[in-house]
Amino acid sequence: MKIEPCQMQAIVLSGPGQLRLARPSVRRPDSLRGLRVLVVEDDRLVAGDLAQALRAADAVVAGPAATVGEGAGLLRDGGIDFAILDICLRRDAVFRLADQLVAAKVPFLFHTADSFVLPDRFKHIRKIGKHQGFGALAACVALGAAREKAGLGLSESDLLQTNEQILRALRQMARLLVTETDAADDLVEATLRSAIAEARIGFFLDDRPSWLADVMERLWIERES
Protein backbone atom coordinates (compact mmCIF):
# COMPACT_ATOMS: atom_id res chain seq x y z
CA MET A 1 0.00 0.00 0.00
CA LYS A 2 1.35 3.42 -0.95
CA ILE A 3 -0.12 5.36 1.97
CA GLU A 4 2.21 5.80 4.93
CA PRO A 5 1.28 7.14 8.38
CA CYS A 6 3.27 10.33 7.72
CA GLN A 7 0.83 11.22 4.95
CA MET A 8 -1.90 11.64 7.54
CA GLN A 9 -0.01 14.67 8.78
CA ALA A 10 -0.35 16.10 5.30
CA ILE A 11 -4.12 16.27 5.81
CA VAL A 12 -3.67 18.31 8.96
CA LEU A 13 -1.35 20.69 7.10
CA SER A 14 -3.57 20.88 3.98
CA GLY A 15 -1.48 18.37 2.06
CA PRO A 16 1.79 18.15 0.10
CA GLY A 17 2.55 18.70 -3.55
CA GLN A 18 0.26 17.89 -6.42
CA LEU A 19 -2.13 15.04 -5.64
CA ARG A 20 -4.94 13.76 -7.80
CA LEU A 21 -7.95 11.91 -6.50
CA ALA A 22 -7.57 8.25 -7.35
CA ARG A 23 -10.80 6.42 -8.16
CA PRO A 24 -10.34 2.92 -6.74
CA SER A 25 -11.94 -0.13 -8.22
CA VAL A 26 -14.35 -1.17 -5.47
CA ARG A 27 -16.20 -4.43 -5.93
CA ARG A 28 -19.57 -4.91 -4.31
CA PRO A 29 -18.77 -6.19 -0.79
CA ASP A 30 -20.42 -8.76 1.42
CA SER A 31 -20.69 -6.03 4.02
CA LEU A 32 -23.72 -7.43 5.87
CA ARG A 33 -22.41 -10.97 6.20
CA GLY A 34 -22.47 -12.08 9.82
CA LEU A 35 -23.86 -8.80 11.18
CA ARG A 36 -26.55 -9.24 13.84
CA VAL A 37 -29.17 -6.63 12.96
CA LEU A 38 -32.02 -5.74 15.29
CA VAL A 39 -35.21 -4.98 13.34
CA VAL A 40 -37.89 -2.97 15.13
CA GLU A 41 -40.98 -2.65 12.94
CA ASP A 42 -44.67 -3.06 13.80
CA ASP A 43 -45.95 -3.63 10.25
CA ARG A 44 -45.81 -7.40 9.77
CA LEU A 45 -45.42 -7.27 6.01
CA VAL A 46 -42.66 -4.67 6.10
CA ALA A 47 -40.92 -6.46 8.96
CA GLY A 48 -41.09 -9.79 7.15
CA ASP A 49 -39.78 -8.39 3.87
CA LEU A 50 -36.96 -6.59 5.66
CA ALA A 51 -35.96 -9.67 7.65
CA GLN A 52 -36.02 -11.80 4.51
CA ALA A 53 -33.83 -9.32 2.60
CA LEU A 54 -31.32 -9.11 5.45
CA ARG A 55 -31.07 -12.89 5.71
CA ALA A 56 -30.61 -13.11 1.94
CA ALA A 57 -27.62 -10.77 2.41
CA ASP A 58 -26.24 -13.19 5.05
CA ALA A 59 -27.05 -10.95 8.01
CA VAL A 60 -28.43 -12.43 11.24
CA VAL A 61 -31.78 -10.92 12.19
CA ALA A 62 -32.73 -10.20 15.80
CA GLY A 63 -36.50 -9.93 15.89
CA PRO A 64 -38.37 -8.44 14.22
CA ALA A 65 -39.66 -6.66 17.32
CA ALA A 66 -43.00 -4.86 17.11
CA THR A 67 -42.74 -2.79 20.31
CA VAL A 68 -40.17 -0.80 22.24
CA GLY A 69 -40.29 -3.42 25.01
CA GLU A 70 -39.59 -6.30 22.65
CA GLY A 71 -36.71 -4.39 21.09
CA ALA A 72 -35.26 -3.55 24.50
CA GLY A 73 -35.39 -7.23 25.45
CA LEU A 74 -33.45 -8.24 22.35
CA LEU A 75 -30.93 -5.48 23.02
CA ARG A 76 -30.39 -6.80 26.55
CA ASP A 77 -29.62 -10.23 25.09
CA GLY A 78 -26.51 -8.64 23.62
CA GLY A 79 -24.55 -9.16 20.43
CA ILE A 80 -26.37 -6.53 18.35
CA ASP A 81 -24.17 -4.93 15.68
CA PHE A 82 -26.75 -2.53 14.26
CA ALA A 83 -30.43 -1.63 14.66
CA ILE A 84 -33.10 -0.56 12.18
CA LEU A 85 -35.88 1.36 13.90
CA ASP A 86 -39.31 2.31 12.65
CA ILE A 87 -40.26 5.53 14.44
CA CYS A 88 -43.94 4.96 15.21
CA LEU A 89 -44.69 1.64 16.90
CA ARG A 90 -48.33 1.03 17.78
CA ARG A 91 -48.83 4.66 18.83
CA ASP A 92 -45.55 4.66 20.75
CA ALA A 93 -42.42 6.46 19.50
CA VAL A 94 -39.24 4.41 19.35
CA PHE A 95 -37.04 7.08 20.94
CA ARG A 96 -36.79 5.42 24.36
CA LEU A 97 -35.23 2.41 22.67
CA ALA A 98 -32.98 4.71 20.63
CA ASP A 99 -31.70 6.19 23.90
CA GLN A 100 -30.87 2.70 25.12
CA LEU A 101 -28.98 1.96 21.90
CA VAL A 102 -26.95 5.14 22.34
CA ALA A 103 -26.10 4.13 25.90
CA ALA A 104 -25.11 0.65 24.70
CA LYS A 105 -23.00 2.17 21.87
CA VAL A 106 -24.96 0.25 19.22
CA PRO A 107 -25.25 2.14 15.90
CA PHE A 108 -28.73 2.47 14.37
CA LEU A 109 -30.84 4.31 11.85
CA PHE A 110 -34.48 5.31 11.55
CA HIS A 111 -36.46 3.54 8.81
CA THR A 112 -39.77 5.25 8.29
CA ALA A 113 -42.47 6.21 5.82
CA ASP A 114 -43.41 9.25 7.91
CA SER A 115 -42.08 12.80 7.60
CA PHE A 116 -41.30 12.76 11.29
CA VAL A 117 -39.19 15.53 12.86
CA LEU A 118 -36.49 13.94 14.98
CA PRO A 119 -35.67 15.21 18.47
CA ASP A 120 -32.52 17.32 18.56
CA ARG A 121 -30.53 14.55 20.23
CA PHE A 122 -31.06 12.36 17.16
CA LYS A 123 -30.50 14.95 14.43
CA HIS A 124 -27.19 13.28 13.50
CA ILE A 125 -28.77 9.82 13.07
CA ARG A 126 -29.58 8.70 9.54
CA LYS A 127 -33.25 8.56 8.55
CA ILE A 128 -34.00 6.32 5.56
CA GLY A 129 -37.36 6.43 3.84
CA LYS A 130 -39.05 3.09 3.26
CA HIS A 131 -39.58 4.10 -0.36
CA GLN A 132 -35.79 4.16 -0.93
CA GLY A 133 -35.59 0.38 -1.10
CA PHE A 134 -33.34 -2.23 0.45
CA GLY A 135 -30.20 -1.22 -1.45
CA ALA A 136 -29.99 2.19 0.20
CA LEU A 137 -30.87 0.70 3.58
CA ALA A 138 -28.25 -2.07 3.30
CA ALA A 139 -25.56 0.46 2.38
CA CYS A 140 -26.33 2.54 5.48
CA VAL A 141 -26.32 -0.53 7.73
CA ALA A 142 -22.96 -1.63 6.31
CA LEU A 143 -21.45 1.82 6.73
CA GLY A 144 -22.74 2.32 10.26
CA ALA A 145 -21.57 -1.07 11.45
CA ALA A 146 -18.17 -0.71 9.76
CA ARG A 147 -17.60 2.70 11.35
CA GLU A 148 -18.45 1.42 14.81
CA LYS A 149 -16.31 -1.72 14.50
CA ALA A 150 -13.38 0.37 13.28
CA GLY A 151 -13.69 2.78 16.20
CA LEU A 152 -14.92 5.60 13.96
CA GLY A 153 -18.45 5.74 15.32
CA LEU A 154 -19.78 8.80 17.11
CA SER A 155 -19.21 7.17 20.50
CA GLU A 156 -15.52 6.40 19.98
CA SER A 157 -13.94 8.62 17.33
CA ASP A 158 -12.67 11.08 19.95
CA LEU A 159 -10.47 8.28 21.37
CA LEU A 160 -8.37 8.27 18.19
CA GLN A 161 -5.56 10.74 18.82
CA THR A 162 -2.54 9.88 16.69
CA ASN A 163 -2.19 9.71 12.92
CA GLU A 164 -1.27 6.03 13.21
CA GLN A 165 -4.44 5.25 15.16
CA ILE A 166 -6.63 7.10 12.67
CA LEU A 167 -5.00 5.42 9.67
CA ARG A 168 -5.37 2.00 11.27
CA ALA A 169 -9.07 2.69 11.89
CA LEU A 170 -9.60 3.84 8.30
CA ARG A 171 -7.95 0.67 7.01
CA GLN A 172 -10.17 -1.46 9.22
CA MET A 173 -13.30 0.36 8.07
CA ALA A 174 -12.33 -0.06 4.40
CA ARG A 175 -11.68 -3.78 4.82
CA LEU A 176 -15.07 -4.25 6.43
CA LEU A 177 -16.70 -2.57 3.43
CA VAL A 178 -14.60 -4.06 0.63
CA THR A 179 -13.75 -7.75 0.37
CA GLU A 180 -10.65 -7.37 -1.80
CA THR A 181 -7.59 -6.18 0.15
CA ASP A 182 -6.04 -4.16 -2.68
CA ALA A 183 -9.36 -2.42 -3.37
CA ALA A 184 -9.74 -1.63 0.35
CA ASP A 185 -6.25 -0.11 0.41
CA ASP A 186 -7.12 1.94 -2.69
CA LEU A 187 -10.24 3.19 -0.92
CA VAL A 188 -8.13 4.41 2.02
CA GLU A 189 -5.70 6.16 -0.31
CA ALA A 190 -8.54 7.82 -2.22
CA THR A 191 -10.09 8.92 1.06
CA LEU A 192 -6.91 10.65 2.16
CA ARG A 193 -6.35 12.29 -1.22
CA SER A 194 -9.93 13.56 -1.29
CA ALA A 195 -9.62 14.85 2.28
CA ILE A 196 -6.43 16.72 1.38
CA ALA A 197 -8.25 18.35 -1.52
CA GLU A 198 -11.11 19.37 0.79
CA ALA A 199 -8.70 20.76 3.38
CA ARG A 200 -7.04 22.93 0.73
CA ILE A 201 -10.31 24.71 0.00
CA GLY A 202 -11.03 25.20 3.68
CA PHE A 203 -13.48 22.36 4.28
CA PHE A 204 -12.29 20.72 7.47
CA LEU A 205 -14.02 19.49 10.61
CA ASP A 206 -12.58 19.61 14.11
CA ASP A 207 -13.41 15.92 14.62
CA ARG A 208 -10.81 14.64 12.18
CA PRO A 209 -11.57 10.88 12.48
CA SER A 210 -15.30 11.37 11.86
CA TRP A 211 -14.60 13.74 8.98
CA LEU A 212 -12.32 11.20 7.31
CA ALA A 213 -14.88 8.44 7.83
CA ASP A 214 -17.49 10.71 6.19
CA VAL A 215 -15.19 11.17 3.19
CA MET A 216 -14.74 7.40 2.90
CA GLU A 217 -18.52 6.92 3.09
CA ARG A 218 -19.11 9.32 0.22
CA LEU A 219 -16.52 7.62 -1.99
CA TRP A 220 -17.89 4.15 -1.22
CA ILE A 221 -21.50 5.18 -1.88
CA GLU A 222 -20.52 6.79 -5.21
CA ARG A 223 -18.98 3.53 -6.36
CA GLU A 224 -21.83 1.38 -5.10
CA SER A 225 -24.61 3.48 -6.65
C-alpha atoms as a PDB file:
ATOM      1  CA  MET A   1       0.000   0.000   0.000  1.00  0.00           C
ATOM      2  CA  LYS A   2       1.352   3.424  -0.945  1.00  0.00           C
ATOM      3  CA  ILE A   3      -0.118   5.362   1.972  1.00  0.00           C
ATOM      4  CA  GLU A   4       2.212   5.802   4.933  1.00  0.00           C
ATOM      5  CA  PRO A   5       1.282   7.144   8.380  1.00  0.00           C
ATOM      6  CA  CYS A   6       3.271  10.328   7.722  1.00  0.00           C
ATOM      7  CA  GLN A   7       0.830  11.224   4.949  1.00  0.00           C
ATOM      8  CA  MET A   8      -1.902  11.638   7.544  1.00  0.00           C
ATOM      9  CA  GLN A   9      -0.014  14.670   8.784  1.00  0.00           C
ATOM     10  CA  ALA A  10      -0.353  16.104   5.300  1.00  0.00           C
ATOM     11  CA  ILE A  11      -4.117  16.273   5.807  1.00  0.00           C
ATOM     12  CA  VAL A  12      -3.670  18.308   8.963  1.00  0.00           C
ATOM     13  CA  LEU A  13      -1.347  20.689   7.097  1.00  0.00           C
ATOM     14  CA  SER A  14      -3.571  20.875   3.979  1.00  0.00           C
ATOM     15  CA  GLY A  15      -1.476  18.371   2.056  1.00  0.00           C
ATOM     16  CA  PRO A  16       1.788  18.153   0.102  1.00  0.00           C
ATOM     17  CA  GLY A  17       2.552  18.699  -3.555  1.00  0.00           C
ATOM     18  CA  GLN A  18       0.255  17.886  -6.423  1.00  0.00           C
ATOM     19  CA  LEU A  19      -2.129  15.041  -5.642  1.00  0.00           C
ATOM     20  CA  ARG A  20      -4.938  13.764  -7.804  1.00  0.00           C
ATOM     21  CA  LEU A  21      -7.955  11.908  -6.496  1.00  0.00           C
ATOM     22  CA  ALA A  22      -7.574   8.248  -7.346  1.00  0.00           C
ATOM     23  CA  ARG A  23     -10.803   6.416  -8.157  1.00  0.00           C
ATOM     24  CA  PRO A  24     -10.344   2.924  -6.736  1.00  0.00           C
ATOM     25  CA  SER A  25     -11.937  -0.135  -8.218  1.00  0.00           C
ATOM     26  CA  VAL A  26     -14.347  -1.172  -5.470  1.00  0.00           C
ATOM     27  CA  ARG A  27     -16.199  -4.429  -5.929  1.00  0.00           C
ATOM     28  CA  ARG A  28     -19.569  -4.907  -4.305  1.00  0.00           C
ATOM     29  CA  PRO A  29     -18.770  -6.188  -0.795  1.00  0.00           C
ATOM     30  CA  ASP A  30     -20.415  -8.761   1.417  1.00  0.00           C
ATOM     31  CA  SER A  31     -20.689  -6.033   4.025  1.00  0.00           C
ATOM     32  CA  LEU A  32     -23.722  -7.426   5.869  1.00  0.00           C
ATOM     33  CA  ARG A  33     -22.413 -10.966   6.200  1.00  0.00           C
ATOM     34  CA  GLY A  34     -22.473 -12.078   9.822  1.00  0.00           C
ATOM     35  CA  LEU A  35     -23.864  -8.801  11.182  1.00  0.00           C
ATOM     36  CA  ARG A  36     -26.555  -9.237  13.845  1.00  0.00           C
ATOM     37  CA  VAL A  37     -29.168  -6.634  12.964  1.00  0.00           C
ATOM     38  CA  LEU A  38     -32.021  -5.735  15.295  1.00  0.00           C
ATOM     39  CA  VAL A  39     -35.205  -4.983  13.339  1.00  0.00           C
ATOM     40  CA  VAL A  40     -37.887  -2.969  15.125  1.00  0.00           C
ATOM     41  CA  GLU A  41     -40.984  -2.649  12.942  1.00  0.00           C
ATOM     42  CA  ASP A  42     -44.668  -3.059  13.803  1.00  0.00           C
ATOM     43  CA  ASP A  43     -45.953  -3.628  10.255  1.00  0.00           C
ATOM     44  CA  ARG A  44     -45.806  -7.402   9.767  1.00  0.00           C
ATOM     45  CA  LEU A  45     -45.420  -7.269   6.009  1.00  0.00           C
ATOM     46  CA  VAL A  46     -42.664  -4.667   6.105  1.00  0.00           C
ATOM     47  CA  ALA A  47     -40.919  -6.463   8.957  1.00  0.00           C
ATOM     48  CA  GLY A  48     -41.094  -9.792   7.146  1.00  0.00           C
ATOM     49  CA  ASP A  49     -39.781  -8.393   3.871  1.00  0.00           C
ATOM     50  CA  LEU A  50     -36.962  -6.586   5.663  1.00  0.00           C
ATOM     51  CA  ALA A  51     -35.957  -9.665   7.652  1.00  0.00           C
ATOM     52  CA  GLN A  52     -36.017 -11.797   4.506  1.00  0.00           C
ATOM     53  CA  ALA A  53     -33.834  -9.325   2.602  1.00  0.00           C
ATOM     54  CA  LEU A  54     -31.322  -9.107   5.454  1.00  0.00           C
ATOM     55  CA  ARG A  55     -31.067 -12.891   5.711  1.00  0.00           C
ATOM     56  CA  ALA A  56     -30.607 -13.111   1.940  1.00  0.00           C
ATOM     57  CA  ALA A  57     -27.622 -10.774   2.409  1.00  0.00           C
ATOM     58  CA  ASP A  58     -26.244 -13.193   5.046  1.00  0.00           C
ATOM     59  CA  ALA A  59     -27.050 -10.953   8.006  1.00  0.00           C
ATOM     60  CA  VAL A  60     -28.426 -12.434  11.241  1.00  0.00           C
ATOM     61  CA  VAL A  61     -31.783 -10.917  12.185  1.00  0.00           C
ATOM     62  CA  ALA A  62     -32.732 -10.196  15.797  1.00  0.00           C
ATOM     63  CA  GLY A  63     -36.500  -9.930  15.887  1.00  0.00           C
ATOM     64  CA  PRO A  64     -38.371  -8.442  14.221  1.00  0.00           C
ATOM     65  CA  ALA A  65     -39.664  -6.659  17.317  1.00  0.00           C
ATOM     66  CA  ALA A  66     -42.995  -4.858  17.110  1.00  0.00           C
ATOM     67  CA  THR A  67     -42.735  -2.791  20.305  1.00  0.00           C
ATOM     68  CA  VAL A  68     -40.167  -0.799  22.243  1.00  0.00           C
ATOM     69  CA  GLY A  69     -40.288  -3.417  25.010  1.00  0.00           C
ATOM     70  CA  GLU A  70     -39.591  -6.299  22.648  1.00  0.00           C
ATOM     71  CA  GLY A  71     -36.713  -4.386  21.087  1.00  0.00           C
ATOM     72  CA  ALA A  72     -35.259  -3.553  24.500  1.00  0.00           C
ATOM     73  CA  GLY A  73     -35.387  -7.231  25.454  1.00  0.00           C
ATOM     74  CA  LEU A  74     -33.453  -8.242  22.349  1.00  0.00           C
ATOM     75  CA  LEU A  75     -30.930  -5.484  23.020  1.00  0.00           C
ATOM     76  CA  ARG A  76     -30.394  -6.805  26.547  1.00  0.00           C
ATOM     77  CA  ASP A  77     -29.625 -10.233  25.091  1.00  0.00           C
ATOM     78  CA  GLY A  78     -26.510  -8.641  23.618  1.00  0.00           C
ATOM     79  CA  GLY A  79     -24.548  -9.156  20.430  1.00  0.00           C
ATOM     80  CA  ILE A  80     -26.372  -6.532  18.352  1.00  0.00           C
ATOM     81  CA  ASP A  81     -24.165  -4.928  15.676  1.00  0.00           C
ATOM     82  CA  PHE A  82     -26.753  -2.534  14.259  1.00  0.00           C
ATOM     83  CA  ALA A  83     -30.426  -1.634  14.661  1.00  0.00           C
ATOM     84  CA  ILE A  84     -33.097  -0.558  12.177  1.00  0.00           C
ATOM     85  CA  LEU A  85     -35.876   1.360  13.897  1.00  0.00           C
ATOM     86  CA  ASP A  86     -39.308   2.312  12.651  1.00  0.00           C
ATOM     87  CA  ILE A  87     -40.256   5.526  14.435  1.00  0.00           C
ATOM     88  CA  CYS A  88     -43.941   4.961  15.215  1.00  0.00           C
ATOM     89  CA  LEU A  89     -44.693   1.645  16.899  1.00  0.00           C
ATOM     90  CA  ARG A  90     -48.325   1.035  17.782  1.00  0.00           C
ATOM     91  CA  ARG A  91     -48.828   4.664  18.831  1.00  0.00           C
ATOM     92  CA  ASP A  92     -45.552   4.657  20.746  1.00  0.00           C
ATOM     93  CA  ALA A  93     -42.423   6.456  19.499  1.00  0.00           C
ATOM     94  CA  VAL A  94     -39.236   4.410  19.350  1.00  0.00           C
ATOM     95  CA  PHE A  95     -37.039   7.083  20.940  1.00  0.00           C
ATOM     96  CA  ARG A  96     -36.793   5.423  24.364  1.00  0.00           C
ATOM     97  CA  LEU A  97     -35.232   2.412  22.669  1.00  0.00           C
ATOM     98  CA  ALA A  98     -32.984   4.710  20.632  1.00  0.00           C
ATOM     99  CA  ASP A  99     -31.702   6.194  23.896  1.00  0.00           C
ATOM    100  CA  GLN A 100     -30.874   2.701  25.119  1.00  0.00           C
ATOM    101  CA  LEU A 101     -28.984   1.960  21.895  1.00  0.00           C
ATOM    102  CA  VAL A 102     -26.949   5.137  22.336  1.00  0.00           C
ATOM    103  CA  ALA A 103     -26.105   4.127  25.899  1.00  0.00           C
ATOM    104  CA  ALA A 104     -25.105   0.646  24.696  1.00  0.00           C
ATOM    105  CA  LYS A 105     -23.003   2.167  21.865  1.00  0.00           C
ATOM    106  CA  VAL A 106     -24.957   0.254  19.222  1.00  0.00           C
ATOM    107  CA  PRO A 107     -25.254   2.137  15.901  1.00  0.00           C
ATOM    108  CA  PHE A 108     -28.727   2.468  14.371  1.00  0.00           C
ATOM    109  CA  LEU A 109     -30.843   4.306  11.848  1.00  0.00           C
ATOM    110  CA  PHE A 110     -34.480   5.306  11.546  1.00  0.00           C
ATOM    111  CA  HIS A 111     -36.456   3.542   8.805  1.00  0.00           C
ATOM    112  CA  THR A 112     -39.775   5.254   8.294  1.00  0.00           C
ATOM    113  CA  ALA A 113     -42.471   6.215   5.817  1.00  0.00           C
ATOM    114  CA  ASP A 114     -43.415   9.248   7.907  1.00  0.00           C
ATOM    115  CA  SER A 115     -42.075  12.799   7.605  1.00  0.00           C
ATOM    116  CA  PHE A 116     -41.304  12.763  11.294  1.00  0.00           C
ATOM    117  CA  VAL A 117     -39.186  15.535  12.857  1.00  0.00           C
ATOM    118  CA  LEU A 118     -36.493  13.937  14.981  1.00  0.00           C
ATOM    119  CA  PRO A 119     -35.670  15.210  18.471  1.00  0.00           C
ATOM    120  CA  ASP A 120     -32.520  17.322  18.563  1.00  0.00           C
ATOM    121  CA  ARG A 121     -30.526  14.545  20.229  1.00  0.00           C
ATOM    122  CA  PHE A 122     -31.059  12.356  17.163  1.00  0.00           C
ATOM    123  CA  LYS A 123     -30.501  14.947  14.431  1.00  0.00           C
ATOM    124  CA  HIS A 124     -27.193  13.283  13.505  1.00  0.00           C
ATOM    125  CA  ILE A 125     -28.766   9.824  13.067  1.00  0.00           C
ATOM    126  CA  ARG A 126     -29.580   8.697   9.542  1.00  0.00           C
ATOM    127  CA  LYS A 127     -33.245   8.562   8.552  1.00  0.00           C
ATOM    128  CA  ILE A 128     -34.000   6.317   5.562  1.00  0.00           C
ATOM    129  CA  GLY A 129     -37.361   6.427   3.837  1.00  0.00           C
ATOM    130  CA  LYS A 130     -39.053   3.091   3.259  1.00  0.00           C
ATOM    131  CA  HIS A 131     -39.575   4.101  -0.361  1.00  0.00           C
ATOM    132  CA  GLN A 132     -35.794   4.164  -0.926  1.00  0.00           C
ATOM    133  CA  GLY A 133     -35.592   0.383  -1.096  1.00  0.00           C
ATOM    134  CA  PHE A 134     -33.341  -2.225   0.447  1.00  0.00           C
ATOM    135  CA  GLY A 135     -30.195  -1.218  -1.447  1.00  0.00           C
ATOM    136  CA  ALA A 136     -29.985   2.189   0.203  1.00  0.00           C
ATOM    137  CA  LEU A 137     -30.866   0.703   3.576  1.00  0.00           C
ATOM    138  CA  ALA A 138     -28.254  -2.065   3.299  1.00  0.00           C
ATOM    139  CA  ALA A 139     -25.558   0.465   2.384  1.00  0.00           C
ATOM    140  CA  CYS A 140     -26.327   2.544   5.475  1.00  0.00           C
ATOM    141  CA  VAL A 141     -26.321  -0.530   7.726  1.00  0.00           C
ATOM    142  CA  ALA A 142     -22.964  -1.632   6.311  1.00  0.00           C
ATOM    143  CA  LEU A 143     -21.446   1.823   6.729  1.00  0.00           C
ATOM    144  CA  GLY A 144     -22.739   2.325  10.256  1.00  0.00           C
ATOM    145  CA  ALA A 145     -21.568  -1.072  11.452  1.00  0.00           C
ATOM    146  CA  ALA A 146     -18.171  -0.707   9.762  1.00  0.00           C
ATOM    147  CA  ARG A 147     -17.595   2.699  11.345  1.00  0.00           C
ATOM    148  CA  GLU A 148     -18.447   1.422  14.810  1.00  0.00           C
ATOM    149  CA  LYS A 149     -16.313  -1.721  14.499  1.00  0.00           C
ATOM    150  CA  ALA A 150     -13.376   0.368  13.283  1.00  0.00           C
ATOM    151  CA  GLY A 151     -13.690   2.779  16.203  1.00  0.00           C
ATOM    152  CA  LEU A 152     -14.916   5.604  13.956  1.00  0.00           C
ATOM    153  CA  GLY A 153     -18.449   5.739  15.321  1.00  0.00           C
ATOM    154  CA  LEU A 154     -19.785   8.797  17.114  1.00  0.00           C
ATOM    155  CA  SER A 155     -19.210   7.169  20.496  1.00  0.00           C
ATOM    156  CA  GLU A 156     -15.516   6.404  19.980  1.00  0.00           C
ATOM    157  CA  SER A 157     -13.938   8.625  17.327  1.00  0.00           C
ATOM    158  CA  ASP A 158     -12.675  11.079  19.954  1.00  0.00           C
ATOM    159  CA  LEU A 159     -10.474   8.277  21.366  1.00  0.00           C
ATOM    160  CA  LEU A 160      -8.370   8.274  18.193  1.00  0.00           C
ATOM    161  CA  GLN A 161      -5.556  10.742  18.821  1.00  0.00           C
ATOM    162  CA  THR A 162      -2.541   9.880  16.690  1.00  0.00           C
ATOM    163  CA  ASN A 163      -2.191   9.706  12.918  1.00  0.00           C
ATOM    164  CA  GLU A 164      -1.274   6.029  13.205  1.00  0.00           C
ATOM    165  CA  GLN A 165      -4.442   5.248  15.165  1.00  0.00           C
ATOM    166  CA  ILE A 166      -6.630   7.095  12.670  1.00  0.00           C
ATOM    167  CA  LEU A 167      -4.998   5.421   9.673  1.00  0.00           C
ATOM    168  CA  ARG A 168      -5.368   1.997  11.274  1.00  0.00           C
ATOM    169  CA  ALA A 169      -9.070   2.685  11.890  1.00  0.00           C
ATOM    170  CA  LEU A 170      -9.598   3.837   8.302  1.00  0.00           C
ATOM    171  CA  ARG A 171      -7.948   0.671   7.010  1.00  0.00           C
ATOM    172  CA  GLN A 172     -10.169  -1.464   9.220  1.00  0.00           C
ATOM    173  CA  MET A 173     -13.302   0.359   8.066  1.00  0.00           C
ATOM    174  CA  ALA A 174     -12.333  -0.063   4.402  1.00  0.00           C
ATOM    175  CA  ARG A 175     -11.676  -3.782   4.816  1.00  0.00           C
ATOM    176  CA  LEU A 176     -15.068  -4.246   6.434  1.00  0.00           C
ATOM    177  CA  LEU A 177     -16.695  -2.572   3.431  1.00  0.00           C
ATOM    178  CA  VAL A 178     -14.598  -4.065   0.632  1.00  0.00           C
ATOM    179  CA  THR A 179     -13.749  -7.746   0.369  1.00  0.00           C
ATOM    180  CA  GLU A 180     -10.647  -7.370  -1.798  1.00  0.00           C
ATOM    181  CA  THR A 181      -7.587  -6.185   0.155  1.00  0.00           C
ATOM    182  CA  ASP A 182      -6.042  -4.156  -2.677  1.00  0.00           C
ATOM    183  CA  ALA A 183      -9.358  -2.418  -3.366  1.00  0.00           C
ATOM    184  CA  ALA A 184      -9.744  -1.631   0.349  1.00  0.00           C
ATOM    185  CA  ASP A 185      -6.253  -0.105   0.414  1.00  0.00           C
ATOM    186  CA  ASP A 186      -7.116   1.939  -2.688  1.00  0.00           C
ATOM    187  CA  LEU A 187     -10.239   3.192  -0.917  1.00  0.00           C
ATOM    188  CA  VAL A 188      -8.134   4.406   2.024  1.00  0.00           C
ATOM    189  CA  GLU A 189      -5.704   6.165  -0.310  1.00  0.00           C
ATOM    190  CA  ALA A 190      -8.542   7.823  -2.225  1.00  0.00           C
ATOM    191  CA  THR A 191     -10.094   8.920   1.064  1.00  0.00           C
ATOM    192  CA  LEU A 192      -6.906  10.651   2.157  1.00  0.00           C
ATOM    193  CA  ARG A 193      -6.348  12.291  -1.215  1.00  0.00           C
ATOM    194  CA  SER A 194      -9.932  13.559  -1.295  1.00  0.00           C
ATOM    195  CA  ALA A 195      -9.618  14.847   2.276  1.00  0.00           C
ATOM    196  CA  ILE A 196      -6.430  16.723   1.380  1.00  0.00           C
ATOM    197  CA  ALA A 197      -8.253  18.353  -1.523  1.00  0.00           C
ATOM    198  CA  GLU A 198     -11.111  19.374   0.791  1.00  0.00           C
ATOM    199  CA  ALA A 199      -8.699  20.763   3.381  1.00  0.00           C
ATOM    200  CA  ARG A 200      -7.044  22.928   0.731  1.00  0.00           C
ATOM    201  CA  ILE A 201     -10.315  24.713   0.003  1.00  0.00           C
ATOM    202  CA  GLY A 202     -11.025  25.198   3.681  1.00  0.00           C
ATOM    203  CA  PHE A 203     -13.480  22.365   4.277  1.00  0.00           C
ATOM    204  CA  PHE A 204     -12.285  20.724   7.474  1.00  0.00           C
ATOM    205  CA  LEU A 205     -14.025  19.494  10.612  1.00  0.00           C
ATOM    206  CA  ASP A 206     -12.584  19.605  14.111  1.00  0.00           C
ATOM    207  CA  ASP A 207     -13.411  15.924  14.615  1.00  0.00           C
ATOM    208  CA  ARG A 208     -10.815  14.640  12.181  1.00  0.00           C
ATOM    209  CA  PRO A 209     -11.575  10.877  12.484  1.00  0.00           C
ATOM    210  CA  SER A 210     -15.295  11.374  11.863  1.00  0.00           C
ATOM    211  CA  TRP A 211     -14.605  13.742   8.978  1.00  0.00           C
ATOM    212  CA  LEU A 212     -12.315  11.199   7.312  1.00  0.00           C
ATOM    213  CA  ALA A 213     -14.883   8.441   7.829  1.00  0.00           C
ATOM    214  CA  ASP A 214     -17.491  10.707   6.188  1.00  0.00           C
ATOM    215  CA  VAL A 215     -15.187  11.173   3.192  1.00  0.00           C
ATOM    216  CA  MET A 216     -14.745   7.401   2.901  1.00  0.00           C
ATOM    217  CA  GLU A 217     -18.515   6.923   3.089  1.00  0.00           C
ATOM    218  CA  ARG A 218     -19.112   9.323   0.216  1.00  0.00           C
ATOM    219  CA  LEU A 219     -16.519   7.616  -1.993  1.00  0.00           C
ATOM    220  CA  TRP A 220     -17.887   4.150  -1.220  1.00  0.00           C
ATOM    221  CA  ILE A 221     -21.499   5.180  -1.880  1.00  0.00           C
ATOM    222  CA  GLU A 222     -20.516   6.785  -5.206  1.00  0.00           C
ATOM    223  CA  ARG A 223     -18.977   3.529  -6.356  1.00  0.00           C
ATOM    224  CA  GLU A 224     -21.833   1.380  -5.104  1.00  0.00           C
ATOM    225  CA  SER A 225     -24.606   3.476  -6.653  1.00  0.00           C
END
